[in-house]
């Protein structure tokens, strides 16, 4: 494929992704984030597998940067999901003070 075709696919994928995500109701954001974290984990594994076959300094450098950003994305996604799920936990009631 030539560069114009690849760029067109990238722009269309970004547009479709934005439209799909903007239609998701608020109650489904937590499960959706968990699913995307799993997908990003698979992408991260793919990057690790590809770096073994990469040749050339520039290719290896780009793959290391991509793996680092992917790792940050996965960890950050799990932290945000954990925080969102924490909003649904019951908080302990404060202890009542007894008069002395």
PDB file of N, CA and C in Angstrom:
ATOM      1  N   UNK A   1       0.840  -1.184   0.000  1.00  0.00           N
ATOM      2  CA  UNK A   1       0.000   0.000   0.000  1.00  0.00           C
ATOM      3  C   UNK A   1       0.882   1.243   0.000  1.00  0.00           C
ATOM      4  N   UNK A   2       0.381   2.262  -0.615  1.00  0.00           N
ATOM      5  CA  UNK A   2       1.145   3.501  -0.616  1.00  0.00           C
ATOM      6  C   UNK A   2       0.796   4.344   0.611  1.00  0.00           C
ATOM      7  N   UNK A   3       1.522   5.403   0.799  1.00  0.00           N
ATOM      8  CA  UNK A   3       1.402   6.234   1.989  1.00  0.00           C
ATOM      9  C   UNK A   3       0.023   6.887   2.102  1.00  0.00           C
ATOM     10  N   UNK A   4      -0.546   7.303   0.993  1.00  0.00           N
ATOM     11  CA  UNK A   4      -1.862   7.961   1.013  1.00  0.00           C
ATOM     12  C   UNK A   4      -2.932   6.985   1.512  1.00  0.00           C
ATOM     13  N   UNK A   5      -2.884   5.749   1.068  1.00  0.00           N
ATOM     14  CA  UNK A   5      -3.859   4.744   1.500  1.00  0.00           C
ATOM     15  C   UNK A   5      -3.715   4.465   2.996  1.00  0.00           C
ATOM     16  N   UNK A   6      -2.485   4.311   3.468  1.00  0.00           N
ATOM     17  CA  UNK A   6      -2.260   4.053   4.884  1.00  0.00           C
ATOM     18  C   UNK A   6      -2.709   5.230   5.738  1.00  0.00           C
ATOM     19  N   UNK A   7      -2.449   6.455   5.292  1.00  0.00           N
ATOM     20  CA  UNK A   7      -2.884   7.639   6.028  1.00  0.00           C
ATOM     21  C   UNK A   7      -4.405   7.740   6.058  1.00  0.00           C
ATOM     22  N   UNK A   8      -5.051   7.400   4.944  1.00  0.00           N
ATOM     23  CA  UNK A   8      -6.514   7.420   4.882  1.00  0.00           C
ATOM     24  C   UNK A   8      -7.109   6.415   5.860  1.00  0.00           C
ATOM     25  N   UNK A   9      -6.531   5.218   5.937  1.00  0.00           N
ATOM     26  CA  UNK A   9      -7.002   4.202   6.878  1.00  0.00           C
ATOM     27  C   UNK A   9      -6.825   4.684   8.319  1.00  0.00           C
ATOM     28  N   UNK A  10      -5.703   5.331   8.604  1.00  0.00           N
ATOM     29  CA  UNK A  10      -5.452   5.858   9.943  1.00  0.00           C
ATOM     30  C   UNK A  10      -6.492   6.907  10.326  1.00  0.00           C
ATOM     31  N   UNK A  11      -6.770   7.837   9.431  1.00  0.00           N
ATOM     32  CA  UNK A  11      -7.743   8.897   9.717  1.00  0.00           C
ATOM     33  C   UNK A  11      -9.143   8.309   9.890  1.00  0.00           C
ATOM     34  N   UNK A  12      -9.529   7.368   9.027  1.00  0.00           N
ATOM     35  CA  UNK A  12     -10.850   6.741   9.151  1.00  0.00           C
ATOM     36  C   UNK A  12     -10.966   5.940  10.445  1.00  0.00           C
ATOM     37  N   UNK A  13      -9.912   5.240  10.827  1.00  0.00           N
ATOM     38  CA  UNK A  13      -9.938   4.473  12.082  1.00  0.00           C
ATOM     39  C   UNK A  13     -10.070   5.404  13.284  1.00  0.00           C
ATOM     40  N   UNK A  14      -9.374   6.533  13.255  1.00  0.00           N
ATOM     41  CA  UNK A  14      -9.482   7.499  14.354  1.00  0.00           C
ATOM     42  C   UNK A  14     -10.896   8.063  14.426  1.00  0.00           C
ATOM     43  N   UNK A  15     -11.479   8.387  13.289  1.00  0.00           N
ATOM     44  CA  UNK A  15     -12.837   8.936  13.260  1.00  0.00           C
ATOM     45  C   UNK A  15     -13.859   7.919  13.767  1.00  0.00           C
ATOM     46  N   UNK A  16     -13.773   6.690  13.283  1.00  0.00           N
ATOM     47  CA  UNK A  16     -14.710   5.647  13.712  1.00  0.00           C
ATOM     48  C   UNK A  16     -14.532   5.358  15.198  1.00  0.00           C
ATOM     49  N   UNK A  17     -13.297   5.293  15.674  1.00  0.00           N
ATOM     50  CA  UNK A  17     -13.045   5.063  17.094  1.00  0.00           C
ATOM     51  C   UNK A  17     -13.632   6.155  17.958  1.00  0.00           C
ATOM     52  N   UNK A  18     -13.482   7.410  17.544  1.00  0.00           N
ATOM     53  CA  UNK A  18     -14.049   8.517  18.303  1.00  0.00           C
ATOM     54  C   UNK A  18     -15.566   8.436  18.332  1.00  0.00           C
ATOM     55  N   UNK A  19     -16.169   8.133  17.209  1.00  0.00           N
ATOM     56  CA  UNK A  19     -17.631   8.047  17.146  1.00  0.00           C
ATOM     57  C   UNK A  19     -18.162   6.897  18.003  1.00  0.00           C
ATOM     58  N   UNK A  20     -17.487   5.771  17.996  1.00  0.00           N
ATOM     59  CA  UNK A  20     -17.936   4.622  18.785  1.00  0.00           C
ATOM     60  C   UNK A  20     -17.797   4.910  20.281  1.00  0.00           C
ATOM     61  N   UNK A  21     -16.668   5.456  20.693  1.00  0.00           N
ATOM     62  CA  UNK A  21     -16.428   5.725  22.108  1.00  0.00           C
ATOM     63  C   UNK A  21     -17.357   6.818  22.626  1.00  0.00           C
ATOM     64  N   UNK A  22     -17.663   7.804  21.806  1.00  0.00           N
ATOM     65  CA  UNK A  22     -18.528   8.892  22.282  1.00  0.00           C
ATOM     66  C   UNK A  22     -19.970   8.438  22.487  1.00  0.00           C
ATOM     67  N   UNK A  23     -20.349   7.313  21.901  1.00  0.00           N
ATOM     68  CA  UNK A  23     -21.718   6.802  22.044  1.00  0.00           C
ATOM     69  C   UNK A  23     -21.876   5.854  23.235  1.00  0.00           C
ATOM     70  N   UNK A  24     -20.784   5.543  23.931  1.00  0.00           N
ATOM     71  CA  UNK A  24     -20.842   4.606  25.049  1.00  0.00           C
ATOM     72  C   UNK A  24     -21.429   5.314  26.277  1.00  0.00           C
ATOM     73  N   UNK A  25     -22.453   4.724  26.906  1.00  0.00           N
ATOM     74  CA  UNK A  25     -23.000   5.356  28.109  1.00  0.00           C
ATOM     75  C   UNK A  25     -22.005   5.297  29.274  1.00  0.00           C
ATOM     76  N   UNK A  26     -22.182   6.203  30.226  1.00  0.00           N
ATOM     77  CA  UNK A  26     -21.239   6.306  31.345  1.00  0.00           C
ATOM     78  C   UNK A  26     -21.123   5.017  32.145  1.00  0.00           C
ATOM     79  N   UNK A  27     -22.198   4.249  32.249  1.00  0.00           N
ATOM     80  CA  UNK A  27     -22.157   3.025  33.054  1.00  0.00           C
ATOM     81  C   UNK A  27     -21.270   1.942  32.432  1.00  0.00           C
ATOM     82  N   UNK A  28     -20.954   2.073  31.174  1.00  0.00           N
ATOM     83  CA  UNK A  28     -20.130   1.050  30.512  1.00  0.00           C
ATOM     84  C   UNK A  28     -18.664   1.450  30.354  1.00  0.00           C
ATOM     85  N   UNK A  29     -18.281   2.614  30.849  1.00  0.00           N
ATOM     86  CA  UNK A  29     -16.899   3.035  30.668  1.00  0.00           C
ATOM     87  C   UNK A  29     -15.912   2.151  31.419  1.00  0.00           C
ATOM     88  N   UNK A  30     -16.254   1.700  32.633  1.00  0.00           N
ATOM     89  CA  UNK A  30     -15.328   0.860  33.390  1.00  0.00           C
ATOM     90  C   UNK A  30     -15.080  -0.482  32.699  1.00  0.00           C
ATOM     91  N   UNK A  31     -16.128  -1.219  32.267  1.00  0.00           N
ATOM     92  CA  UNK A  31     -15.844  -2.466  31.542  1.00  0.00           C
ATOM     93  C   UNK A  31     -15.129  -2.234  30.212  1.00  0.00           C
ATOM     94  N   UNK A  32     -15.434  -1.121  29.566  1.00  0.00           N
ATOM     95  CA  UNK A  32     -14.768  -0.813  28.298  1.00  0.00           C
ATOM     96  C   UNK A  32     -13.286  -0.556  28.529  1.00  0.00           C
ATOM     97  N   UNK A  33     -12.950   0.144  29.602  1.00  0.00           N
ATOM     98  CA  UNK A  33     -11.540   0.386  29.905  1.00  0.00           C
ATOM     99  C   UNK A  33     -10.819  -0.916  30.238  1.00  0.00           C
ATOM    100  N   UNK A  34     -11.476  -1.825  30.941  1.00  0.00           N
ATOM    101  CA  UNK A  34     -10.854  -3.112  31.250  1.00  0.00           C
ATOM    102  C   UNK A  34     -10.571  -3.889  29.974  1.00  0.00           C
ATOM    103  N   UNK A  35     -11.496  -3.839  29.037  1.00  0.00           N
ATOM    104  CA  UNK A  35     -11.296  -4.545  27.763  1.00  0.00           C
ATOM    105  C   UNK A  35     -10.162  -3.922  26.963  1.00  0.00           C
ATOM    106  N   UNK A  36     -10.089  -2.602  26.937  1.00  0.00           N
ATOM    107  CA  UNK A  36      -9.006  -1.968  26.188  1.00  0.00           C
ATOM    108  C   UNK A  36      -7.656  -2.202  26.858  1.00  0.00           C
ATOM    109  N   UNK A  37      -7.633  -2.339  28.187  1.00  0.00           N
ATOM    110  CA  UNK A  37      -6.377  -2.682  28.849  1.00  0.00           C
ATOM    111  C   UNK A  37      -5.898  -4.058  28.415  1.00  0.00           C
ATOM    112  N   UNK A  38      -6.816  -4.994  28.263  1.00  0.00           N
ATOM    113  CA  UNK A  38      -6.442  -6.335  27.804  1.00  0.00           C
ATOM    114  C   UNK A  38      -5.912  -6.283  26.370  1.00  0.00           C
ATOM    115  N   UNK A  39      -6.556  -5.493  25.523  1.00  0.00           N
ATOM    116  CA  UNK A  39      -6.100  -5.363  24.131  1.00  0.00           C
ATOM    117  C   UNK A  39      -4.720  -4.715  24.092  1.00  0.00           C
ATOM    118  N   UNK A  40      -4.492  -3.706  24.927  1.00  0.00           N
ATOM    119  CA  UNK A  40      -3.193  -3.050  24.950  1.00  0.00           C
ATOM    120  C   UNK A  40      -2.119  -4.006  25.455  1.00  0.00           C
ATOM    121  N   UNK A  41      -2.483  -4.915  26.346  1.00  0.00           N
ATOM    122  CA  UNK A  41      -1.528  -5.931  26.786  1.00  0.00           C
ATOM    123  C   UNK A  41      -1.107  -6.833  25.635  1.00  0.00           C
ATOM    124  N   UNK A  42      -2.048  -7.179  24.765  1.00  0.00           N
ATOM    125  CA  UNK A  42      -1.726  -7.997  23.594  1.00  0.00           C
ATOM    126  C   UNK A  42      -0.828  -7.224  22.635  1.00  0.00           C
ATOM    127  N   UNK A  43      -1.113  -5.941  22.451  1.00  0.00           N
ATOM    128  CA  UNK A  43      -0.275  -5.101  21.593  1.00  0.00           C
ATOM    129  C   UNK A  43       1.138  -5.003  22.160  1.00  0.00           C
ATOM    130  N   UNK A  44       1.239  -4.879  23.470  1.00  0.00           N
ATOM    131  CA  UNK A  44       2.543  -4.819  24.124  1.00  0.00           C
ATOM    132  C   UNK A  44       3.320  -6.118  23.909  1.00  0.00           C
ATOM    133  N   UNK A  45       2.649  -7.238  24.034  1.00  0.00           N
ATOM    134  CA  UNK A  45       3.292  -8.529  23.778  1.00  0.00           C
ATOM    135  C   UNK A  45       3.766  -8.620  22.326  1.00  0.00           C
ATOM    136  N   UNK A  46       2.957  -8.129  21.399  1.00  0.00           N
ATOM    137  CA  UNK A  46       3.365  -8.113  19.988  1.00  0.00           C
ATOM    138  C   UNK A  46       4.612  -7.276  19.773  1.00  0.00           C
ATOM    139  N   UNK A  47       4.697  -6.127  20.444  1.00  0.00           N
ATOM    140  CA  UNK A  47       5.894  -5.290  20.326  1.00  0.00           C
ATOM    141  C   UNK A  47       7.128  -5.986  20.855  1.00  0.00           C
ATOM    142  N   UNK A  48       6.966  -6.723  21.942  1.00  0.00           N
ATOM    143  CA  UNK A  48       8.102  -7.461  22.504  1.00  0.00           C
ATOM    144  C   UNK A  48       8.551  -8.574  21.559  1.00  0.00           C
ATOM    145  N   UNK A  49       7.590  -9.226  20.912  1.00  0.00           N
ATOM    146  CA  UNK A  49       7.951 -10.276  19.963  1.00  0.00           C
ATOM    147  C   UNK A  49       8.632  -9.709  18.717  1.00  0.00           C
ATOM    148  N   UNK A  50       8.186  -8.563  18.258  1.00  0.00           N
ATOM    149  CA  UNK A  50       8.747  -7.960  17.047  1.00  0.00           C
ATOM    150  C   UNK A  50      10.158  -7.440  17.287  1.00  0.00           C
ATOM    151  N   UNK A  51      10.440  -6.972  18.498  1.00  0.00           N
ATOM    152  CA  UNK A  51      11.769  -6.394  18.750  1.00  0.00           C
ATOM    153  C   UNK A  51      12.865  -7.446  18.618  1.00  0.00           C
ATOM    154  N   UNK A  52      12.519  -8.716  18.820  1.00  0.00           N
ATOM    155  CA  UNK A  52      13.516  -9.783  18.653  1.00  0.00           C
ATOM    156  C   UNK A  52      13.970  -9.939  17.221  1.00  0.00           C
ATOM    157  N   UNK A  53      13.134  -9.593  16.273  1.00  0.00           N
ATOM    158  CA  UNK A  53      13.475  -9.742  14.858  1.00  0.00           C
ATOM    159  C   UNK A  53      13.854  -8.428  14.193  1.00  0.00           C
ATOM    160  N   UNK A  54      13.853  -7.335  14.946  1.00  0.00           N
ATOM    161  CA  UNK A  54      14.167  -6.031  14.369  1.00  0.00           C
ATOM    162  C   UNK A  54      15.646  -5.940  14.039  1.00  0.00           C
ATOM    163  N   UNK A  55      15.934  -5.237  12.965  1.00  0.00           N
ATOM    164  CA  UNK A  55      17.330  -5.024  12.596  1.00  0.00           C
ATOM    165  C   UNK A  55      17.534  -3.531  12.390  1.00  0.00           C
ATOM    166  N   UNK A  56      18.639  -3.056  12.851  1.00  0.00           N
ATOM    167  CA  UNK A  56      18.955  -1.637  12.715  1.00  0.00           C
ATOM    168  C   UNK A  56      18.648  -0.875  13.988  1.00  0.00           C
ATOM    169  N   UNK A  57      19.480   0.114  14.259  1.00  0.00           N
ATOM    170  CA  UNK A  57      19.352   0.871  15.498  1.00  0.00           C
ATOM    171  C   UNK A  57      18.044   1.652  15.553  1.00  0.00           C
ATOM    172  N   UNK A  58      17.665   2.287  14.457  1.00  0.00           N
ATOM    173  CA  UNK A  58      16.464   3.109  14.447  1.00  0.00           C
ATOM    174  C   UNK A  58      15.208   2.274  14.703  1.00  0.00           C
ATOM    175  N   UNK A  59      15.118   1.106  14.069  1.00  0.00           N
ATOM    176  CA  UNK A  59      13.968   0.228  14.304  1.00  0.00           C
ATOM    177  C   UNK A  59      13.892  -0.217  15.763  1.00  0.00           C
ATOM    178  N   UNK A  60      15.025  -0.588  16.319  1.00  0.00           N
ATOM    179  CA  UNK A  60      15.042  -1.017  17.720  1.00  0.00           C
ATOM    180  C   UNK A  60      14.693   0.128  18.664  1.00  0.00           C
ATOM    181  N   UNK A  61      15.189   1.324  18.376  1.00  0.00           N
ATOM    182  CA  UNK A  61      14.888   2.486  19.199  1.00  0.00           C
ATOM    183  C   UNK A  61      13.394   2.804  19.182  1.00  0.00           C
ATOM    184  N   UNK A  62      12.794   2.798  18.010  1.00  0.00           N
ATOM    185  CA  UNK A  62      11.359   3.070  17.897  1.00  0.00           C
ATOM    186  C   UNK A  62      10.553   2.007  18.629  1.00  0.00           C
ATOM    187  N   UNK A  63      10.965   0.742  18.528  1.00  0.00           N
ATOM    188  CA  UNK A  63      10.257  -0.331  19.231  1.00  0.00           C
ATOM    189  C   UNK A  63      10.397  -0.202  20.745  1.00  0.00           C
ATOM    190  N   UNK A  64      11.562   0.178  21.227  1.00  0.00           N
ATOM    191  CA  UNK A  64      11.745   0.357  22.676  1.00  0.00           C
ATOM    192  C   UNK A  64      10.856   1.497  23.173  1.00  0.00           C
ATOM    193  N   UNK A  65      10.800   2.589  22.424  1.00  0.00           N
ATOM    194  CA  UNK A  65       9.932   3.712  22.806  1.00  0.00           C
ATOM    195  C   UNK A  65       8.468   3.278  22.786  1.00  0.00           C
ATOM    196  N   UNK A  66       8.071   2.519  21.751  1.00  0.00           N
ATOM    197  CA  UNK A  66       6.688   2.044  21.661  1.00  0.00           C
ATOM    198  C   UNK A  66       6.343   1.104  22.811  1.00  0.00           C
ATOM    199  N   UNK A  67       7.256   0.226  23.168  1.00  0.00           N
ATOM    200  CA  UNK A  67       7.016  -0.694  24.284  1.00  0.00           C
ATOM    201  C   UNK A  67       6.924   0.075  25.598  1.00  0.00           C
ATOM    202  N   UNK A  68       7.773   1.100  25.773  1.00  0.00           N
ATOM    203  CA  UNK A  68       7.714   1.908  26.997  1.00  0.00           C
ATOM    204  C   UNK A  68       6.381   2.642  27.097  1.00  0.00           C
ATOM    205  N   UNK A  69       5.949   3.271  26.007  1.00  0.00           N
ATOM    206  CA  UNK A  69       4.659   3.964  26.022  1.00  0.00           C
ATOM    207  C   UNK A  69       3.507   2.987  26.216  1.00  0.00           C
ATOM    208  N   UNK A  70       3.590   1.816  25.609  1.00  0.00           N
ATOM    209  CA  UNK A  70       2.552   0.811  25.793  1.00  0.00           C
ATOM    210  C   UNK A  70       2.464   0.339  27.230  1.00  0.00           C
ATOM    211  N   UNK A  71       3.618   0.170  27.869  1.00  0.00           N
ATOM    212  CA  UNK A  71       3.641  -0.238  29.277  1.00  0.00           C
ATOM    213  C   UNK A  71       3.020   0.833  30.163  1.00  0.00           C
ATOM    214  N   UNK A  72       3.371   2.082  29.912  1.00  0.00           N
ATOM    215  CA  UNK A  72       2.783   3.188  30.675  1.00  0.00           C
ATOM    216  C   UNK A  72       1.275   3.220  30.473  1.00  0.00           C
ATOM    217  N   UNK A  73       0.831   2.979  29.249  1.00  0.00           N
ATOM    218  CA  UNK A  73      -0.602   2.990  28.940  1.00  0.00           C
ATOM    219  C   UNK A  73      -1.343   1.871  29.669  1.00  0.00           C
ATOM    220  N   UNK A  74      -0.785   0.682  29.686  1.00  0.00           N
ATOM    221  CA  UNK A  74      -1.439  -0.450  30.353  1.00  0.00           C
ATOM    222  C   UNK A  74      -1.495  -0.220  31.865  1.00  0.00           C
ATOM    223  N   UNK A  75      -0.385   0.186  32.455  1.00  0.00           N
ATOM    224  CA  UNK A  75      -0.359   0.410  33.903  1.00  0.00           C
ATOM    225  C   UNK A  75      -1.304   1.546  34.287  1.00  0.00           C
ATOM    226  N   UNK A  76      -1.248   2.636  33.540  1.00  0.00           N
ATOM    227  CA  UNK A  76      -2.149   3.752  33.815  1.00  0.00           C
ATOM    228  C   UNK A  76      -3.606   3.373  33.655  1.00  0.00           C
ATOM    229  N   UNK A  77      -3.914   2.560  32.645  1.00  0.00           N
ATOM    230  CA  UNK A  77      -5.287   2.108  32.441  1.00  0.00           C
ATOM    231  C   UNK A  77      -5.789   1.265  33.591  1.00  0.00           C
ATOM    232  N   UNK A  78      -4.939   0.373  34.094  1.00  0.00           N
ATOM    233  CA  UNK A  78      -5.361  -0.439  35.231  1.00  0.00           C
ATOM    234  C   UNK A  78      -5.525   0.401  36.500  1.00  0.00           C
ATOM    235  N   UNK A  79      -4.671   1.401  36.681  1.00  0.00           N
ATOM    236  CA  UNK A  79      -4.817   2.276  37.846  1.00  0.00           C
ATOM    237  C   UNK A  79      -6.110   3.083  37.779  1.00  0.00           C
ATOM    238  N   UNK A  80      -6.431   3.598  36.599  1.00  0.00           N
ATOM    239  CA  UNK A  80      -7.676   4.363  36.442  1.00  0.00           C
ATOM    240  C   UNK A  80      -8.883   3.453  36.637  1.00  0.00           C
ATOM    241  N   UNK A  81      -8.833   2.241  36.088  1.00  0.00           N
ATOM    242  CA  UNK A  81      -9.943   1.300  36.256  1.00  0.00           C
ATOM    243  C   UNK A  81     -10.129   0.946  37.730  1.00  0.00           C
ATOM    244  N   UNK A  82      -9.027   0.725  38.434  1.00  0.00           N
ATOM    245  CA  UNK A  82      -9.120   0.413  39.865  1.00  0.00           C
ATOM    246  C   UNK A  82      -9.732   1.579  40.635  1.00  0.00           C
ATOM    247  N   UNK A  83      -9.352   2.777  40.280  1.00  0.00           N
ATOM    248  CA  UNK A  83      -9.920   3.951  40.955  1.00  0.00           C
ATOM    249  C   UNK A  83     -11.405   4.090  40.650  1.00  0.00           C
ATOM    250  N   UNK A  84     -11.792   3.820  39.406  1.00  0.00           N
ATOM    251  CA  UNK A  84     -13.211   3.901  39.042  1.00  0.00           C
ATOM    252  C   UNK A  84     -14.017   2.846  39.784  1.00  0.00           C
ATOM    253  N   UNK A  85     -13.477   1.633  39.898  1.00  0.00           N
ATOM    254  CA  UNK A  85     -14.181   0.580  40.627  1.00  0.00           C
ATOM    255  C   UNK A  85     -14.243   0.886  42.117  1.00  0.00           C
ATOM    256  N   UNK A  86     -13.260   1.621  42.624  1.00  0.00           N
ATOM    257  CA  UNK A  86     -13.265   2.009  44.027  1.00  0.00           C
ATOM    258  C   UNK A  86     -14.423   2.927  44.376  1.00  0.00           C
ATOM    259  N   UNK A  87     -14.957   3.616  43.386  1.00  0.00           N
ATOM    260  CA  UNK A  87     -16.101   4.490  43.646  1.00  0.00           C
ATOM    261  C   UNK A  87     -17.357   3.690  43.980  1.00  0.00           C
ATOM    262  N   UNK A  88     -17.396   2.423  43.599  1.00  0.00           N
ATOM    263  CA  UNK A  88     -18.572   1.601  43.844  1.00  0.00           C
ATOM    264  C   UNK A  88     -18.501   0.831  45.161  1.00  0.00           C
ATOM    265  N   UNK A  89     -17.374   0.876  45.854  1.00  0.00           N
ATOM    266  CA  UNK A  89     -17.237   0.164  47.126  1.00  0.00           C
ATOM    267  C   UNK A  89     -17.958   0.934  48.226  1.00  0.00           C
ATOM    268  N   UNK A  90     -18.508   0.180  49.165  1.00  0.00           N
ATOM    269  CA  UNK A  90     -19.171   0.819  50.292  1.00  0.00           C
ATOM    270  C   UNK A  90     -18.120   1.357  51.253  1.00  0.00           C
ATOM    271  N   UNK A  91     -18.339   2.566  51.689  1.00  0.00           N
ATOM    272  CA  UNK A  91     -17.425   3.177  52.651  1.00  0.00           C
ATOM    273  C   UNK A  91     -17.864   2.808  54.053  1.00  0.00           C
ATOM    274  N   UNK A  92     -16.918   2.581  54.948  1.00  0.00           N
ATOM    275  CA  UNK A  92     -17.319   2.265  56.332  1.00  0.00           C
ATOM    276  C   UNK A  92     -17.950   3.495  56.984  1.00  0.00           C
ATOM    277  N   UNK A  93     -18.971   3.229  57.772  1.00  0.00           N
ATOM    278  CA  UNK A  93     -19.637   4.325  58.477  1.00  0.00           C
ATOM    279  C   UNK A  93     -18.732   4.803  59.605  1.00  0.00           C
ATOM    280  N   UNK A  94     -18.704   6.124  59.810  1.00  0.00           N
ATOM    281  CA  UNK A  94     -17.863   6.613  60.911  1.00  0.00           C
ATOM    282  C   UNK A  94     -18.426   6.160  62.257  1.00  0.00           C
ATOM    283  N   UNK A  95     -17.526   5.891  63.171  1.00  0.00           N
ATOM    284  CA  UNK A  95     -17.941   5.430  64.508  1.00  0.00           C
ATOM    285  C   UNK A  95     -18.660   6.560  65.244  1.00  0.00           C
ATOM    286  N   UNK A  96     -19.722   6.185  65.908  1.00  0.00           N
ATOM    287  CA  UNK A  96     -20.462   7.194  66.655  1.00  0.00           C
ATOM    288  C   UNK A  96     -19.732   7.502  67.956  1.00  0.00           C
ATOM    289  N   UNK A  97     -19.745   8.772  68.306  1.00  0.00           N
ATOM    290  CA  UNK A  97     -19.088   9.187  69.537  1.00  0.00           C
ATOM    291  C   UNK A  97     -20.055   8.973  70.717  1.00  0.00           C
ATOM    292  N   UNK A  98     -19.519   8.390  71.760  1.00  0.00           N
ATOM    293  CA  UNK A  98     -20.342   8.184  72.968  1.00  0.00           C
ATOM    294  C   UNK A  98     -20.087   9.319  73.949  1.00  0.00           C
ATOM    295  N   UNK A  99     -21.147   9.845  74.545  1.00  0.00           N
ATOM    296  CA  UNK A  99     -20.938  10.931  75.514  1.00  0.00           C
ATOM    297  C   UNK A  99     -20.261  10.389  76.765  1.00  0.00           C
ATOM    298  N   UNK A 100     -19.364  11.155  77.312  1.00  0.00           N
ATOM    299  CA  UNK A 100     -18.638  10.710  78.504  1.00  0.00           C
ATOM    300  C   UNK A 100     -19.214  11.292  79.750  1.00  0.00           C
TER     301      UNK A 100
END
